[in-house]
Amino acid sequence: MSQTSAALGRIQPSATLAMTGRVNELKRAGIDVIGLSAGEPDFDTPDFVKDAAIAAIRAGQTKYTTVDGTAELKEAIAAKFRRDNGLDYALAQVSVNSGGKHTLFNALVATIDFGDEVVIPAPYWVSYPDIVNFAGGTPVFVAAGAAQNYKITPEQLDAAITPKTKWVLLNSPSNPTGAAYSAAELKALGEVLLRHPHVYVLTDDMYEHVWYAETPFATIAQVCPDLYDRTLTVNGCSKAYAMTGWRIGYAGGPAWLIKAMSALQSQSTSNPCSISQAAAVAALNGPQDFLEERNVAFKRRRDMVVAMLNDAPGLACPLPEGAFYVYPDASGVIGKTTPKGVKIATDEDLINYFLDDYRVAAVHGEAFGLAPAFRISYATSEEVLKKACTLIQEACAALK
């Protein structure tokens, strides 16, 4: 008899967290490593958000709250959806969770049965298929390479949907590619989904405010109102407000689904941290002007990183429209050999070469479902990024 459950055997440890752990081990050993693997803003949480958390502590807001969020935070979330996305949700249609991953976990585990299929565009965030597998579902991958800017087409989506399809997962801007769907592109995908009324849509909008495209951000329930009752719109405070450690994710969707997610949460984590919830109220209701200031810095970094990676022999890096990642195609270096005589047969070999020989940490594309490529987070200083990209250029130039 196995000591662990069959469900646990259906998932793998996160590749991004594994690389981050490896980098931390090297740093603890006194080795200088440039870590570009973590998806975390380098900016600090705004002071007005910290102040709200301190005030909540001093006011004694340290007790249990409603399982899926305080009324005050749900009101702030509903106001955010109206303000930013033109979506109206009652408080019974809002869920608050311990981070965006928790939101996704609750929604999928609460709705998937064995045999259900979930359409996942690839490249994808590493947690999507593992959560589906844990729940007993079957991930159905739709590959979208660099040639189509890492975005699936309506034709691809239509071909992937079967009578067993329960969910379609969308992520825009994307982790790991930074690719972002325009309102017109979302509408075209929505037209396909309207022809399949048994399919629900989960849109992960976590990087909504890290946006560089000239056209405004759009989410699918906004541009396709007929899908409103079938869409769970997921977001959170982690990326926009630099609150990764505060662990607040949230969603708006059908009341029946929010109730189901709450039931699951009531028997797992219970409520998110009460202090973090108070901080999230301040973040969502407070001044938003700093978001654009930070975007200017992210965009400047993006432009530099893309230009430098495209100057590296064998790499081809598309220009992302959002998030703080690049996802260069590494086809041009596969099959080459390092100065030490090691053959680069896979993109995992490549990122191991970067780390072992040049002390630059990235995440290999196979972990995100589309290889050969790798993901770099440019959520760090321009000085560090310039040094890292110079080392990557040298590493690629040294391959024979």
Protein backbone atom coordinates (compact mmCIF):
# COMPACT_ATOMS: atom_id res chain seq x y z
CA MET A 1 0.00 0.00 0.00
CA SER A 2 1.35 3.42 -0.96
CA GLN A 3 2.10 5.86 1.83
CA THR A 4 0.73 8.77 -0.22
CA SER A 5 -2.53 9.24 -2.07
CA ALA A 6 -3.12 8.63 -5.76
CA ALA A 7 -4.10 12.30 -6.07
CA LEU A 8 -0.68 13.40 -4.83
CA GLY A 9 0.93 11.15 -7.43
CA ARG A 10 -0.82 13.11 -10.18
CA ILE A 11 1.11 16.33 -9.47
CA GLN A 12 4.72 17.46 -9.69
CA PRO A 13 6.59 20.10 -7.68
CA SER A 14 6.55 23.56 -9.29
CA ALA A 15 9.52 23.96 -11.66
CA THR A 16 9.69 27.69 -10.99
CA LEU A 17 9.80 27.22 -7.22
CA ALA A 18 12.33 24.42 -7.62
CA MET A 19 14.70 26.71 -9.53
CA THR A 20 14.17 29.49 -6.99
CA GLY A 21 15.07 27.02 -4.25
CA ARG A 22 18.19 25.97 -6.12
CA VAL A 23 19.26 29.61 -6.48
CA ASN A 24 18.71 30.23 -2.77
CA GLU A 25 20.84 27.21 -1.90
CA LEU A 26 23.70 28.49 -4.06
CA LYS A 27 23.45 31.94 -2.48
CA ARG A 28 23.52 30.45 1.01
CA ALA A 29 26.71 28.64 -0.03
CA GLY A 30 28.24 32.01 -0.86
CA ILE A 31 27.97 31.65 -4.65
CA ASP A 32 26.95 34.79 -6.55
CA VAL A 33 23.94 33.91 -8.73
CA ILE A 34 21.62 36.14 -10.76
CA GLY A 35 18.14 34.77 -10.14
CA LEU A 36 15.67 35.48 -12.94
CA SER A 37 13.35 32.58 -12.19
CA ALA A 38 10.92 34.00 -9.63
CA GLY A 39 7.70 35.66 -10.75
CA GLU A 40 7.75 38.39 -8.15
CA PRO A 41 7.86 42.19 -8.49
CA ASP A 42 11.01 43.74 -7.08
CA PHE A 43 9.04 46.82 -6.01
CA ASP A 44 7.91 47.07 -2.41
CA THR A 45 4.32 47.00 -1.18
CA PRO A 46 3.07 50.63 -1.18
CA ASP A 47 3.34 52.37 2.17
CA PHE A 48 -0.37 53.19 2.34
CA VAL A 49 -1.10 49.45 2.12
CA LYS A 50 1.39 48.66 4.88
CA ASP A 51 -0.11 51.41 7.03
CA ALA A 52 -3.58 49.89 6.63
CA ALA A 53 -2.26 46.51 7.79
CA ILE A 54 -0.58 48.06 10.85
CA ALA A 55 -3.77 49.93 11.69
CA ALA A 56 -5.75 46.69 11.42
CA ILE A 57 -3.39 44.96 13.84
CA ARG A 58 -3.65 47.79 16.32
CA ALA A 59 -7.44 47.80 15.99
CA GLY A 60 -7.54 44.13 16.93
CA GLN A 61 -8.63 42.81 13.52
CA THR A 62 -6.89 39.54 14.28
CA LYS A 63 -9.85 37.17 14.56
CA TYR A 64 -11.47 34.76 12.13
CA THR A 65 -13.38 36.37 9.27
CA THR A 66 -16.05 35.03 6.96
CA VAL A 67 -14.60 31.98 5.20
CA ASP A 68 -14.29 33.54 1.75
CA GLY A 69 -13.57 37.14 2.69
CA THR A 70 -14.84 40.09 4.67
CA ALA A 71 -17.74 42.14 3.36
CA GLU A 72 -15.42 45.17 3.20
CA LEU A 73 -12.96 43.39 0.95
CA LYS A 74 -15.69 41.91 -1.23
CA GLU A 75 -17.12 45.40 -1.67
CA ALA A 76 -13.67 46.69 -2.68
CA ILE A 77 -13.29 43.83 -5.16
CA ALA A 78 -16.75 44.42 -6.64
CA ALA A 79 -15.88 48.13 -7.00
CA LYS A 80 -12.60 47.20 -8.72
CA PHE A 81 -14.41 44.96 -11.22
CA ARG A 82 -16.88 47.76 -12.01
CA ARG A 83 -14.17 50.43 -12.27
CA ASP A 84 -11.58 48.54 -14.26
CA ASN A 85 -13.53 45.92 -16.17
CA GLY A 86 -17.14 47.05 -16.48
CA LEU A 87 -18.31 43.90 -14.66
CA ASP A 88 -21.02 43.93 -11.99
CA TYR A 89 -20.79 41.30 -9.25
CA ALA A 90 -22.91 41.06 -6.11
CA LEU A 91 -21.05 40.13 -2.92
CA ALA A 92 -22.38 36.57 -3.25
CA GLN A 93 -20.51 36.41 -6.56
CA VAL A 94 -17.11 37.29 -5.08
CA SER A 95 -14.60 34.89 -3.53
CA VAL A 96 -11.47 35.85 -1.57
CA ASN A 97 -8.71 33.28 -1.21
CA SER A 98 -5.14 32.82 -0.01
CA GLY A 99 -3.53 33.82 -3.30
CA GLY A 100 -4.48 33.35 -6.93
CA LYS A 101 -3.28 29.74 -6.97
CA HIS A 102 -5.72 29.01 -4.15
CA THR A 103 -8.54 30.59 -6.17
CA LEU A 104 -7.76 28.38 -9.15
CA PHE A 105 -7.45 25.31 -6.94
CA ASN A 106 -10.82 25.93 -5.30
CA ALA A 107 -12.61 26.51 -8.59
CA LEU A 108 -11.21 23.47 -10.38
CA VAL A 109 -11.34 21.00 -7.50
CA ALA A 110 -14.90 22.08 -6.70
CA THR A 111 -16.11 21.42 -10.25
CA ILE A 112 -14.02 18.74 -11.98
CA ASP A 113 -14.91 15.05 -12.01
CA PHE A 114 -12.89 12.19 -13.47
CA GLY A 115 -13.16 12.31 -17.24
CA ASP A 116 -13.69 16.06 -17.46
CA GLU A 117 -11.36 17.86 -19.84
CA VAL A 118 -9.81 21.29 -19.38
CA VAL A 119 -8.42 23.14 -22.40
CA ILE A 120 -5.12 24.85 -21.55
CA PRO A 121 -3.22 26.98 -24.08
CA ALA A 122 0.51 26.27 -24.07
CA PRO A 123 2.84 27.76 -22.95
CA TYR A 124 1.00 27.76 -19.63
CA TRP A 125 1.64 28.61 -16.00
CA VAL A 126 3.10 25.47 -14.43
CA SER A 127 0.30 25.02 -11.87
CA TYR A 128 -2.61 24.79 -14.32
CA PRO A 129 -2.22 21.18 -15.48
CA ASP A 130 -1.16 19.93 -12.06
CA ILE A 131 -4.29 21.32 -10.40
CA VAL A 132 -6.43 19.77 -13.15
CA ASN A 133 -4.66 16.43 -12.70
CA PHE A 134 -5.04 16.59 -8.93
CA ALA A 135 -8.78 17.13 -9.35
CA GLY A 136 -8.99 14.07 -11.60
CA GLY A 137 -9.48 15.95 -14.84
CA THR A 138 -7.59 15.71 -18.10
CA PRO A 139 -5.58 18.68 -19.41
CA VAL A 140 -5.96 19.23 -23.15
CA PHE A 141 -3.10 21.36 -24.42
CA VAL A 142 -3.32 23.75 -27.36
CA ALA A 143 0.13 24.81 -28.50
CA ALA A 144 0.75 28.39 -29.63
CA GLY A 145 4.36 29.07 -30.54
CA ALA A 146 6.38 32.21 -31.11
CA ALA A 147 5.23 32.39 -34.74
CA GLN A 148 1.70 33.21 -33.51
CA ASN A 149 2.90 35.36 -30.60
CA TYR A 150 2.06 32.58 -28.13
CA LYS A 151 -1.70 33.10 -28.57
CA ILE A 152 -4.16 30.42 -29.67
CA THR A 153 -6.53 30.98 -32.58
CA PRO A 154 -10.31 30.51 -32.58
CA GLU A 155 -9.83 27.55 -34.92
CA GLN A 156 -7.46 25.87 -32.47
CA LEU A 157 -9.87 26.44 -29.59
CA ASP A 158 -12.81 25.02 -31.52
CA ALA A 159 -10.84 21.91 -32.46
CA ALA A 160 -9.84 21.29 -28.83
CA ILE A 161 -13.36 21.36 -27.38
CA THR A 162 -15.17 18.03 -27.01
CA PRO A 163 -18.35 16.93 -25.23
CA LYS A 164 -16.11 16.21 -22.21
CA THR A 165 -14.72 19.76 -21.98
CA LYS A 166 -15.59 21.38 -18.65
CA TRP A 167 -13.34 24.45 -18.64
CA VAL A 168 -11.19 26.57 -20.91
CA LEU A 169 -8.36 28.39 -19.11
CA LEU A 170 -7.19 31.76 -20.43
CA ASN A 171 -4.31 33.81 -19.05
CA SER A 172 -3.72 37.31 -20.38
CA PRO A 173 -1.18 38.80 -19.98
CA SER A 174 0.48 35.41 -19.82
CA ASN A 175 2.84 33.79 -17.43
CA PRO A 176 5.29 32.68 -18.90
CA THR A 177 5.26 34.57 -22.21
CA GLY A 178 3.80 38.01 -21.49
CA ALA A 179 1.48 37.53 -24.49
CA ALA A 180 -1.77 39.48 -24.19
CA TYR A 181 -5.05 39.05 -26.04
CA SER A 182 -6.69 42.15 -27.45
CA ALA A 183 -10.42 42.76 -27.03
CA ALA A 184 -10.94 41.69 -30.67
CA GLU A 185 -8.98 38.47 -30.13
CA LEU A 186 -10.94 37.67 -26.99
CA LYS A 187 -14.20 38.34 -28.78
CA ALA A 188 -13.21 35.89 -31.51
CA LEU A 189 -12.47 33.22 -28.90
CA GLY A 190 -15.74 34.06 -27.19
CA GLU A 191 -17.67 33.46 -30.40
CA VAL A 192 -16.32 29.91 -30.37
CA LEU A 193 -17.27 29.39 -26.74
CA LEU A 194 -20.80 30.62 -27.37
CA ARG A 195 -21.23 27.64 -29.70
CA HIS A 196 -20.36 25.28 -26.83
CA PRO A 197 -22.73 26.12 -23.96
CA HIS A 198 -21.47 23.27 -21.76
CA VAL A 199 -18.02 24.87 -21.40
CA TYR A 200 -17.04 27.24 -18.58
CA VAL A 201 -14.31 29.86 -18.87
CA LEU A 202 -11.66 30.60 -16.25
CA THR A 203 -9.68 33.71 -17.04
CA ASP A 204 -6.57 34.40 -15.01
CA ASP A 205 -6.09 38.19 -15.11
CA MET A 206 -3.39 38.37 -12.43
CA TYR A 207 -1.13 40.55 -14.60
CA GLU A 208 -3.89 42.93 -15.71
CA HIS A 209 -2.08 46.04 -14.49
CA VAL A 210 1.31 45.08 -15.93
CA TRP A 211 0.27 46.10 -19.42
CA TYR A 212 2.14 47.73 -22.32
CA ALA A 213 -0.15 47.40 -25.34
CA GLU A 214 -1.58 50.57 -26.86
CA THR A 215 -5.12 49.19 -26.62
CA PRO A 216 -6.68 48.93 -23.13
CA PHE A 217 -6.70 45.69 -21.16
CA ALA A 218 -9.82 43.59 -21.71
CA THR A 219 -11.20 40.45 -20.09
CA ILE A 220 -13.48 37.96 -21.79
CA ALA A 221 -16.70 38.49 -19.77
CA GLN A 222 -16.35 42.20 -20.52
CA VAL A 223 -16.10 41.84 -24.30
CA CYS A 224 -18.49 38.84 -24.48
CA PRO A 225 -21.32 39.63 -22.05
CA ASP A 226 -23.17 36.47 -23.09
CA LEU A 227 -20.41 34.48 -21.39
CA TYR A 228 -20.82 36.31 -18.07
CA ASP A 229 -22.76 33.48 -16.41
CA ARG A 230 -20.14 30.93 -17.49
CA THR A 231 -17.00 32.87 -16.60
CA LEU A 232 -14.88 33.00 -13.47
CA THR A 233 -12.72 36.12 -13.59
CA VAL A 234 -9.65 35.58 -11.38
CA ASN A 235 -7.31 38.28 -10.13
CA GLY A 236 -5.37 39.24 -7.02
CA CYS A 237 -3.12 41.69 -5.25
CA SER A 238 0.19 39.88 -5.72
CA LYS A 239 1.57 41.38 -8.91
CA ALA A 240 0.00 44.83 -9.32
CA TYR A 241 0.46 45.83 -5.69
CA ALA A 242 3.69 43.88 -5.01
CA MET A 243 1.89 41.84 -2.35
CA THR A 244 3.06 38.33 -3.21
CA GLY A 245 3.66 37.37 0.41
CA TRP A 246 0.35 38.76 1.63
CA ARG A 247 -1.50 35.95 -0.21
CA ILE A 248 -4.72 37.52 -1.42
CA GLY A 249 -6.37 36.24 -4.57
CA TYR A 250 -9.96 36.80 -5.57
CA ALA A 251 -12.55 36.06 -8.23
CA GLY A 252 -15.93 37.12 -9.53
CA GLY A 253 -18.31 34.60 -11.05
CA PRO A 254 -21.62 32.73 -10.84
CA ALA A 255 -23.05 32.59 -7.32
CA TRP A 256 -23.36 28.80 -7.42
CA LEU A 257 -19.65 28.45 -8.16
CA ILE A 258 -18.61 30.96 -5.49
CA LYS A 259 -20.71 29.01 -2.97
CA ALA A 260 -19.05 25.75 -3.99
CA MET A 261 -15.59 27.29 -3.68
CA SER A 262 -16.50 28.59 -0.22
CA ALA A 263 -17.61 25.13 0.88
CA LEU A 264 -14.27 23.67 -0.15
CA GLN A 265 -12.36 26.50 1.50
CA SER A 266 -14.32 26.07 4.73
CA GLN A 267 -12.83 22.59 5.11
CA SER A 268 -9.29 23.45 4.00
CA THR A 269 -7.73 26.84 4.78
CA SER A 270 -10.77 28.69 6.13
CA ASN A 271 -10.45 32.47 5.80
CA PRO A 272 -7.46 34.28 4.29
CA CYS A 273 -5.33 36.24 6.77
CA SER A 274 -7.44 38.97 8.35
CA ILE A 275 -4.58 41.50 8.25
CA SER A 276 -3.88 40.79 4.60
CA GLN A 277 -7.55 41.33 3.84
CA ALA A 278 -7.46 44.76 5.50
CA ALA A 279 -4.37 45.61 3.46
CA ALA A 280 -6.07 44.46 0.26
CA VAL A 281 -9.03 46.78 0.93
CA ALA A 282 -6.59 49.69 1.07
CA ALA A 283 -4.79 48.51 -2.07
CA LEU A 284 -7.95 48.25 -4.16
CA ASN A 285 -9.62 51.41 -2.84
CA GLY A 286 -6.52 53.56 -2.58
CA PRO A 287 -4.54 55.60 -5.14
CA GLN A 288 -3.70 53.70 -8.30
CA ASP A 289 -1.35 56.17 -9.98
CA PHE A 290 1.79 54.30 -8.92
CA LEU A 291 0.78 51.41 -11.18
CA GLU A 292 1.58 53.39 -14.31
CA GLU A 293 4.86 54.60 -12.82
CA ARG A 294 5.93 51.02 -12.23
CA ASN A 295 4.78 49.99 -15.70
CA VAL A 296 7.10 52.59 -17.21
CA ALA A 297 10.02 50.92 -15.41
CA PHE A 298 8.88 47.42 -16.42
CA LYS A 299 8.51 48.48 -20.05
CA ARG A 300 12.00 49.98 -20.12
CA ARG A 301 13.41 46.74 -18.73
CA ARG A 302 11.40 44.67 -21.20
CA ASP A 303 12.73 46.60 -24.17
CA MET A 304 16.32 46.22 -23.03
CA VAL A 305 16.02 42.50 -22.27
CA VAL A 306 14.29 41.67 -25.56
CA ALA A 307 16.89 43.59 -27.57
CA MET A 308 19.80 41.94 -25.78
CA LEU A 309 18.38 38.42 -26.03
CA ASN A 310 17.74 38.88 -29.74
CA ASP A 311 21.44 39.72 -30.05
CA ALA A 312 22.35 36.36 -28.47
CA PRO A 313 23.30 33.78 -31.16
CA GLY A 314 20.53 31.19 -31.58
CA LEU A 315 17.83 32.97 -29.55
CA ALA A 316 14.69 34.64 -30.88
CA CYS A 317 12.68 36.66 -28.36
CA PRO A 318 9.20 38.02 -29.20
CA LEU A 319 8.16 41.35 -27.68
CA PRO A 320 5.59 40.70 -24.92
CA GLU A 321 2.65 43.04 -24.32
CA GLY A 322 2.29 42.53 -20.60
CA ALA A 323 3.48 40.84 -17.38
CA PHE A 324 7.21 40.89 -16.57
CA TYR A 325 8.46 37.84 -18.44
CA VAL A 326 10.11 37.08 -21.74
CA TYR A 327 10.05 33.65 -23.37
CA PRO A 328 12.80 33.40 -25.98
CA ASP A 329 12.71 30.56 -28.50
CA ALA A 330 15.93 28.56 -28.12
CA SER A 331 15.67 26.37 -31.21
CA GLY A 332 18.86 27.89 -32.62
CA VAL A 333 21.07 26.53 -29.82
CA ILE A 334 19.64 23.03 -29.43
CA GLY A 335 22.11 20.41 -30.60
CA LYS A 336 25.15 22.57 -29.92
CA THR A 337 27.94 21.76 -27.46
CA THR A 338 29.32 23.75 -24.53
CA PRO A 339 33.03 24.55 -24.16
CA LYS A 340 33.16 21.69 -21.60
CA GLY A 341 31.86 19.24 -24.19
CA VAL A 342 28.30 18.96 -22.89
CA LYS A 343 25.65 18.68 -25.60
CA ILE A 344 22.62 20.98 -25.33
CA ALA A 345 19.93 18.46 -26.24
CA THR A 346 17.02 20.16 -24.43
CA ASP A 347 16.10 23.54 -23.04
CA GLU A 348 16.65 22.11 -19.55
CA ASP A 349 20.25 21.40 -20.59
CA LEU A 350 20.47 25.02 -21.69
CA ILE A 351 19.29 26.55 -18.43
CA ASN A 352 21.53 24.20 -16.47
CA TYR A 353 24.43 25.45 -18.62
CA PHE A 354 23.46 29.06 -17.89
CA LEU A 355 23.34 28.34 -14.15
CA ASP A 356 26.37 26.07 -13.80
CA ASP A 357 28.76 27.96 -16.07
CA TYR A 358 27.48 31.56 -16.01
CA ARG A 359 25.50 31.75 -12.75
CA VAL A 360 22.29 32.97 -14.35
CA ALA A 361 19.04 31.23 -13.34
CA ALA A 362 16.06 30.90 -15.69
CA VAL A 363 13.29 28.29 -16.06
CA HIS A 364 13.22 25.85 -18.97
CA GLY A 365 10.35 25.94 -21.44
CA GLU A 366 9.44 22.27 -21.10
CA ALA A 367 8.05 23.11 -17.65
CA PHE A 368 5.58 25.49 -19.32
CA GLY A 369 4.54 23.04 -22.01
CA LEU A 370 6.35 24.48 -25.02
CA ALA A 371 9.99 23.79 -25.82
CA PRO A 372 12.70 24.62 -26.65
CA ALA A 373 12.50 27.96 -24.86
CA PHE A 374 13.07 29.44 -21.43
CA ARG A 375 11.43 32.02 -19.19
CA ILE A 376 13.16 35.02 -17.71
CA SER A 377 11.56 37.36 -15.19
CA TYR A 378 12.72 40.94 -15.63
CA ALA A 379 11.31 42.06 -12.30
CA THR A 380 14.70 43.23 -11.10
CA SER A 381 17.01 46.18 -11.66
CA GLU A 382 18.25 47.23 -15.09
CA GLU A 383 21.82 46.84 -13.88
CA VAL A 384 21.25 43.21 -12.92
CA LEU A 385 19.32 42.49 -16.11
CA LYS A 386 22.04 43.98 -18.29
CA LYS A 387 24.66 41.84 -16.57
CA ALA A 388 22.50 38.70 -16.88
CA CYS A 389 21.72 39.24 -20.56
CA THR A 390 25.40 39.92 -21.30
CA LEU A 391 26.27 36.60 -19.67
CA ILE A 392 23.55 34.82 -21.69
CA GLN A 393 24.96 36.37 -24.87
CA GLU A 394 28.41 35.10 -23.92
CA ALA A 395 27.03 31.65 -23.09
CA CYS A 396 25.26 31.33 -26.44
CA ALA A 397 28.27 32.66 -28.36
CA ALA A 398 30.47 30.04 -26.69
CA LEU A 399 28.39 27.13 -27.98
CA LYS A 400 29.75 25.19 -30.93
